[in-house]
Amino acid sequence: GRSKAKYEQVYADSEVRVLENTAAFPRAFLVGRAVTSPTLGSALGQMVHQPFDPRSEVMLAADTDAAAAASVANNDPASSEPPGSVQIQSYSANEVRMHVSASRNALLVLSDTYYPGWSASVDGQPQPVFRGNVLFRVVAIPAGEHEVDMRFEPASVKIGLVVSAAAVLLTLAALVLAGRIRKPGRTTE
């Protein structure tokens, strides 16, 4: 079921009171069950109206290869134990490195925004990044100890690099040709 937020006062003075949500999710965690939905809209509807436990399952919409991700997870509803732990080694806007310890096949949920252009590798092997719970990034993780890297490498940057390299090559070619085609009677010093 859904857990209620539990707030604990961590600081107070005459003007300010700071509360901590002790039931908040970590930035990265493992789940052992995947539920698929044909569209993003229906995924959101299922998350709101169906019994949905985000601590043990992830909702995958069909706009990513949800079936592939779901097939990796244990999908055993009887198993309420978390499938393992995740420790973030480094975190930046374009790259996240994590150490994952999975007692069984699981799905790594990173509660950062899903966007095309994110790539992932598990122990150096490329893995697809799926959209989970409508807006998070999800990667399938086999049982065991793993190093997981996620990098943002949008296609637009790659295209820009190719276009820039082509422009440099064309400029160099034009300079070489201009040097070979000289007007008669002119010399260089």
C-alpha atoms as a PDB file:
ATOM      1  CA  GLY A   1       0.000   0.000   0.000  1.00  0.00           C
ATOM      2  CA  ARG A   2       0.885   3.632  -0.027  1.00  0.00           C
ATOM      3  CA  SER A   3       2.911   4.945   2.851  1.00  0.00           C
ATOM      4  CA  LYS A   4       1.888   8.184   4.495  1.00  0.00           C
ATOM      5  CA  ALA A   5       4.454  10.919   4.770  1.00  0.00           C
ATOM      6  CA  LYS A   6       5.916  11.062   8.246  1.00  0.00           C
ATOM      7  CA  TYR A   7       7.361  14.419   9.193  1.00  0.00           C
ATOM      8  CA  GLU A   8       9.935  14.880  11.901  1.00  0.00           C
ATOM      9  CA  GLN A   9      11.065  18.274  13.131  1.00  0.00           C
ATOM     10  CA  VAL A  10      14.800  18.651  12.558  1.00  0.00           C
ATOM     11  CA  TYR A  11      15.175  22.353  13.392  1.00  0.00           C
ATOM     12  CA  ALA A  12      13.152  25.118  14.963  1.00  0.00           C
ATOM     13  CA  ASP A  13      13.674  28.663  16.145  1.00  0.00           C
ATOM     14  CA  SER A  14      11.342  31.593  16.805  1.00  0.00           C
ATOM     15  CA  GLU A  15      10.673  32.154  13.087  1.00  0.00           C
ATOM     16  CA  VAL A  16      11.379  28.905  11.250  1.00  0.00           C
ATOM     17  CA  ARG A  17      10.490  25.273  11.646  1.00  0.00           C
ATOM     18  CA  VAL A  18      12.150  22.649   9.384  1.00  0.00           C
ATOM     19  CA  LEU A  19      10.524  19.252   8.918  1.00  0.00           C
ATOM     20  CA  GLU A  20      12.030  16.150   7.326  1.00  0.00           C
ATOM     21  CA  ASN A  21       9.868  13.694   5.398  1.00  0.00           C
ATOM     22  CA  THR A  22      11.131  10.406   6.838  1.00  0.00           C
ATOM     23  CA  ALA A  23       9.083   8.400   4.310  1.00  0.00           C
ATOM     24  CA  ALA A  24      10.704  10.048   1.269  1.00  0.00           C
ATOM     25  CA  PHE A  25      12.126   7.808  -1.428  1.00  0.00           C
ATOM     26  CA  PRO A  26      15.861   7.761  -2.086  1.00  0.00           C
ATOM     27  CA  ARG A  27      17.056   9.183  -5.415  1.00  0.00           C
ATOM     28  CA  ALA A  28      17.881   5.662  -6.665  1.00  0.00           C
ATOM     29  CA  PHE A  29      16.349   2.364  -5.547  1.00  0.00           C
ATOM     30  CA  LEU A  30      15.570  -1.160  -6.758  1.00  0.00           C
ATOM     31  CA  VAL A  31      12.169  -2.743  -7.335  1.00  0.00           C
ATOM     32  CA  GLY A  32      11.409  -6.343  -8.185  1.00  0.00           C
ATOM     33  CA  ARG A  33       8.186  -5.968 -10.122  1.00  0.00           C
ATOM     34  CA  ALA A  34       7.164  -4.142 -13.299  1.00  0.00           C
ATOM     35  CA  VAL A  35       3.654  -3.299 -14.452  1.00  0.00           C
ATOM     36  CA  THR A  36       3.187  -2.299 -18.098  1.00  0.00           C
ATOM     37  CA  SER A  37       0.709   0.115 -19.584  1.00  0.00           C
ATOM     38  CA  PRO A  38      -0.004   0.879 -23.272  1.00  0.00           C
ATOM     39  CA  THR A  39       0.257   4.685 -22.986  1.00  0.00           C
ATOM     40  CA  LEU A  40       1.626   7.343 -20.663  1.00  0.00           C
ATOM     41  CA  GLY A  41      -1.910   8.497 -19.866  1.00  0.00           C
ATOM     42  CA  SER A  42      -3.077   5.038 -18.906  1.00  0.00           C
ATOM     43  CA  ALA A  43       0.112   4.516 -16.866  1.00  0.00           C
ATOM     44  CA  LEU A  44      -0.650   7.642 -14.856  1.00  0.00           C
ATOM     45  CA  GLY A  45      -4.261   6.528 -14.428  1.00  0.00           C
ATOM     46  CA  GLN A  46      -3.182   3.103 -13.201  1.00  0.00           C
ATOM     47  CA  MET A  47      -0.744   4.639 -10.734  1.00  0.00           C
ATOM     48  CA  VAL A  48      -3.451   6.881  -9.278  1.00  0.00           C
ATOM     49  CA  HIS A  49      -6.478   4.562  -9.309  1.00  0.00           C
ATOM     50  CA  GLN A  50      -5.090   1.037  -8.925  1.00  0.00           C
ATOM     51  CA  PRO A  51      -3.353  -0.409  -5.918  1.00  0.00           C
ATOM     52  CA  PHE A  52       0.188   0.642  -6.790  1.00  0.00           C
ATOM     53  CA  ASP A  53       3.197   0.388  -4.483  1.00  0.00           C
ATOM     54  CA  PRO A  54       6.114   2.422  -5.879  1.00  0.00           C
ATOM     55  CA  ARG A  55       8.455   0.935  -3.251  1.00  0.00           C
ATOM     56  CA  SER A  56       8.147  -2.530  -4.802  1.00  0.00           C
ATOM     57  CA  GLU A  57       7.023  -1.967  -8.411  1.00  0.00           C
ATOM     58  CA  VAL A  58       7.506   0.393 -11.318  1.00  0.00           C
ATOM     59  CA  MET A  59       4.954   1.385 -13.969  1.00  0.00           C
ATOM     60  CA  LEU A  60       6.383   1.124 -17.492  1.00  0.00           C
ATOM     61  CA  ALA A  61       4.604   2.738 -20.442  1.00  0.00           C
ATOM     62  CA  ALA A  62       4.827   1.246 -23.912  1.00  0.00           C
ATOM     63  CA  ASP A  63       6.584   4.318 -25.359  1.00  0.00           C
ATOM     64  CA  THR A  64       9.783   2.565 -24.297  1.00  0.00           C
ATOM     65  CA  ASP A  65      10.332  -1.173 -24.711  1.00  0.00           C
ATOM     66  CA  ALA A  66       8.402  -1.911 -21.539  1.00  0.00           C
ATOM     67  CA  ALA A  67       8.080  -5.631 -22.255  1.00  0.00           C
ATOM     68  CA  ALA A  68      11.869  -6.019 -22.344  1.00  0.00           C
ATOM     69  CA  ALA A  69      12.278  -4.305 -18.980  1.00  0.00           C
ATOM     70  CA  ALA A  70       9.366  -6.162 -17.407  1.00  0.00           C
ATOM     71  CA  SER A  71      10.790  -9.515 -18.483  1.00  0.00           C
ATOM     72  CA  VAL A  72      13.964  -8.869 -16.467  1.00  0.00           C
ATOM     73  CA  ALA A  73      12.228  -8.109 -13.176  1.00  0.00           C
ATOM     74  CA  ASN A  74      11.283 -10.898 -10.801  1.00  0.00           C
ATOM     75  CA  ASN A  75       7.554 -10.033 -11.056  1.00  0.00           C
ATOM     76  CA  ASP A  76       6.899 -12.185  -7.980  1.00  0.00           C
ATOM     77  CA  PRO A  77       4.191 -10.294  -6.053  1.00  0.00           C
ATOM     78  CA  ALA A  78       4.738 -12.553  -3.032  1.00  0.00           C
ATOM     79  CA  SER A  79       8.240 -11.166  -2.513  1.00  0.00           C
ATOM     80  CA  SER A  80       7.982  -8.047  -0.363  1.00  0.00           C
ATOM     81  CA  GLU A  81      11.696  -7.855   0.472  1.00  0.00           C
ATOM     82  CA  PRO A  82      13.602  -5.154  -1.422  1.00  0.00           C
ATOM     83  CA  PRO A  83      15.752  -6.769  -4.130  1.00  0.00           C
ATOM     84  CA  GLY A  84      18.890  -4.934  -3.024  1.00  0.00           C
ATOM     85  CA  SER A  85      20.504  -1.560  -2.545  1.00  0.00           C
ATOM     86  CA  VAL A  86      21.894   1.307  -4.617  1.00  0.00           C
ATOM     87  CA  GLN A  87      24.691   3.674  -3.666  1.00  0.00           C
ATOM     88  CA  ILE A  88      25.320   6.739  -5.807  1.00  0.00           C
ATOM     89  CA  GLN A  89      29.081   7.080  -6.360  1.00  0.00           C
ATOM     90  CA  SER A  90      28.971  10.362  -8.301  1.00  0.00           C
ATOM     91  CA  TYR A  91      26.205  12.598  -9.554  1.00  0.00           C
ATOM     92  CA  SER A  92      26.216  15.445 -12.073  1.00  0.00           C
ATOM     93  CA  ALA A  93      23.751  16.903 -14.555  1.00  0.00           C
ATOM     94  CA  ASN A  94      25.054  14.699 -17.399  1.00  0.00           C
ATOM     95  CA  GLU A  95      26.294  11.587 -15.608  1.00  0.00           C
ATOM     96  CA  VAL A  96      25.338   9.375 -12.671  1.00  0.00           C
ATOM     97  CA  ARG A  97      27.514   6.512 -11.408  1.00  0.00           C
ATOM     98  CA  MET A  98      26.084   3.952  -9.009  1.00  0.00           C
ATOM     99  CA  HIS A  99      27.054   0.739  -7.267  1.00  0.00           C
ATOM    100  CA  VAL A 100      24.161  -1.735  -7.212  1.00  0.00           C
ATOM    101  CA  SER A 101      23.884  -4.834  -5.073  1.00  0.00           C
ATOM    102  CA  ALA A 102      20.918  -6.945  -6.276  1.00  0.00           C
ATOM    103  CA  SER A 103      19.881 -10.169  -4.547  1.00  0.00           C
ATOM    104  CA  ARG A 104      17.779 -11.054  -7.606  1.00  0.00           C
ATOM    105  CA  ASN A 105      16.943  -9.604 -11.024  1.00  0.00           C
ATOM    106  CA  ALA A 106      15.522  -6.130 -10.488  1.00  0.00           C
ATOM    107  CA  LEU A 107      14.838  -2.742 -12.010  1.00  0.00           C
ATOM    108  CA  LEU A 108      16.883   0.276 -10.949  1.00  0.00           C
ATOM    109  CA  VAL A 109      14.662   3.354 -10.625  1.00  0.00           C
ATOM    110  CA  LEU A 110      16.469   6.694 -10.721  1.00  0.00           C
ATOM    111  CA  SER A 111      14.056   9.440  -9.711  1.00  0.00           C
ATOM    112  CA  ASP A 112      15.457  11.889 -12.253  1.00  0.00           C
ATOM    113  CA  THR A 113      13.579  12.982 -15.348  1.00  0.00           C
ATOM    114  CA  TYR A 114      13.491  10.554 -18.263  1.00  0.00           C
ATOM    115  CA  TYR A 115      14.475  12.159 -21.547  1.00  0.00           C
ATOM    116  CA  PRO A 116      15.634  10.616 -24.832  1.00  0.00           C
ATOM    117  CA  GLY A 117      19.409  10.822 -25.025  1.00  0.00           C
ATOM    118  CA  TRP A 118      20.153   9.091 -21.729  1.00  0.00           C
ATOM    119  CA  SER A 119      22.227   5.946 -22.119  1.00  0.00           C
ATOM    120  CA  ALA A 120      23.191   3.387 -19.512  1.00  0.00           C
ATOM    121  CA  SER A 121      25.779   0.692 -19.024  1.00  0.00           C
ATOM    122  CA  VAL A 122      25.913  -2.093 -16.468  1.00  0.00           C
ATOM    123  CA  ASP A 123      29.485  -3.251 -15.847  1.00  0.00           C
ATOM    124  CA  GLY A 124      30.491  -1.514 -19.093  1.00  0.00           C
ATOM    125  CA  GLN A 125      27.823  -3.248 -21.209  1.00  0.00           C
ATOM    126  CA  PRO A 126      25.215  -0.957 -22.841  1.00  0.00           C
ATOM    127  CA  GLN A 127      21.680  -1.295 -21.474  1.00  0.00           C
ATOM    128  CA  PRO A 128      18.497   0.486 -22.567  1.00  0.00           C
ATOM    129  CA  VAL A 129      16.991   3.209 -20.401  1.00  0.00           C
ATOM    130  CA  PHE A 130      13.225   2.900 -19.927  1.00  0.00           C
ATOM    131  CA  ARG A 131      10.599   5.414 -18.810  1.00  0.00           C
ATOM    132  CA  GLY A 132       9.212   4.403 -15.417  1.00  0.00           C
ATOM    133  CA  ASN A 133       6.415   5.862 -13.299  1.00  0.00           C
ATOM    134  CA  VAL A 134       5.731   8.290 -16.172  1.00  0.00           C
ATOM    135  CA  LEU A 135       8.834  10.439 -15.683  1.00  0.00           C
ATOM    136  CA  PHE A 136      11.752   8.504 -14.132  1.00  0.00           C
ATOM    137  CA  ARG A 137      14.678   6.574 -15.634  1.00  0.00           C
ATOM    138  CA  VAL A 138      14.736   2.781 -15.258  1.00  0.00           C
ATOM    139  CA  VAL A 139      17.453   0.221 -16.081  1.00  0.00           C
ATOM    140  CA  ALA A 140      17.187  -3.570 -15.847  1.00  0.00           C
ATOM    141  CA  ILE A 141      19.724  -5.051 -13.407  1.00  0.00           C
ATOM    142  CA  PRO A 142      20.652  -8.752 -13.153  1.00  0.00           C
ATOM    143  CA  ALA A 143      21.290 -10.313  -9.752  1.00  0.00           C
ATOM    144  CA  GLY A 144      24.732  -9.566  -8.299  1.00  0.00           C
ATOM    145  CA  GLU A 145      27.110  -6.660  -7.678  1.00  0.00           C
ATOM    146  CA  HIS A 146      27.244  -4.111 -10.516  1.00  0.00           C
ATOM    147  CA  GLU A 147      28.617  -0.734 -11.519  1.00  0.00           C
ATOM    148  CA  VAL A 148      25.983   1.289 -13.379  1.00  0.00           C
ATOM    149  CA  ASP A 149      26.707   4.434 -15.387  1.00  0.00           C
ATOM    150  CA  MET A 150      24.054   6.710 -16.898  1.00  0.00           C
ATOM    151  CA  ARG A 151      25.142   9.431 -19.305  1.00  0.00           C
ATOM    152  CA  PHE A 152      23.264  12.107 -21.177  1.00  0.00           C
ATOM    153  CA  GLU A 153      24.372  11.998 -24.802  1.00  0.00           C
ATOM    154  CA  PRO A 154      21.599  13.547 -26.896  1.00  0.00           C
ATOM    155  CA  ALA A 155      21.567  12.922 -30.637  1.00  0.00           C
ATOM    156  CA  SER A 156      21.582  16.689 -31.271  1.00  0.00           C
ATOM    157  CA  VAL A 157      25.074  16.975 -29.757  1.00  0.00           C
ATOM    158  CA  LYS A 158      26.375  14.096 -31.884  1.00  0.00           C
ATOM    159  CA  ILE A 159      24.868  15.637 -35.024  1.00  0.00           C
ATOM    160  CA  GLY A 160      26.412  18.998 -34.105  1.00  0.00           C
ATOM    161  CA  LEU A 161      29.852  17.398 -33.728  1.00  0.00           C
ATOM    162  CA  VAL A 162      29.568  15.698 -37.132  1.00  0.00           C
ATOM    163  CA  VAL A 163      28.449  18.936 -38.820  1.00  0.00           C
ATOM    164  CA  SER A 164      31.260  20.891 -37.130  1.00  0.00           C
ATOM    165  CA  ALA A 165      33.876  18.320 -38.151  1.00  0.00           C
ATOM    166  CA  ALA A 166      32.589  18.378 -41.731  1.00  0.00           C
ATOM    167  CA  ALA A 167      32.775  22.191 -41.778  1.00  0.00           C
ATOM    168  CA  VAL A 168      36.379  22.122 -40.520  1.00  0.00           C
ATOM    169  CA  LEU A 169      37.345  19.561 -43.182  1.00  0.00           C
ATOM    170  CA  LEU A 170      35.667  21.582 -45.942  1.00  0.00           C
ATOM    171  CA  THR A 171      37.437  24.745 -44.763  1.00  0.00           C
ATOM    172  CA  LEU A 172      40.808  22.977 -44.755  1.00  0.00           C
ATOM    173  CA  ALA A 173      40.129  21.547 -48.221  1.00  0.00           C
ATOM    174  CA  ALA A 174      39.210  25.011 -49.504  1.00  0.00           C
ATOM    175  CA  LEU A 175      42.428  26.478 -48.074  1.00  0.00           C
ATOM    176  CA  VAL A 176      44.535  23.738 -49.681  1.00  0.00           C
ATOM    177  CA  LEU A 177      42.834  24.220 -53.044  1.00  0.00           C
ATOM    178  CA  ALA A 178      43.194  28.000 -52.802  1.00  0.00           C
ATOM    179  CA  GLY A 179      46.929  27.554 -52.187  1.00  0.00           C
ATOM    180  CA  ARG A 180      47.307  25.373 -55.284  1.00  0.00           C
ATOM    181  CA  ILE A 181      45.370  27.650 -57.559  1.00  0.00           C
ATOM    182  CA  ARG A 182      47.479  30.784 -57.770  1.00  0.00           C
ATOM    183  CA  LYS A 183      47.344  33.462 -60.351  1.00  0.00           C
ATOM    184  CA  PRO A 184      50.313  33.367 -62.756  1.00  0.00           C
ATOM    185  CA  GLY A 185      53.089  35.809 -61.927  1.00  0.00           C
ATOM    186  CA  ARG A 186      52.427  35.873 -58.191  1.00  0.00           C
ATOM    187  CA  THR A 187      54.950  34.428 -55.827  1.00  0.00           C
ATOM    188  CA  THR A 188      54.901  33.843 -52.144  1.00  0.00           C
ATOM    189  CA  GLU A 189      57.711  34.974 -49.882  1.00  0.00           C
END
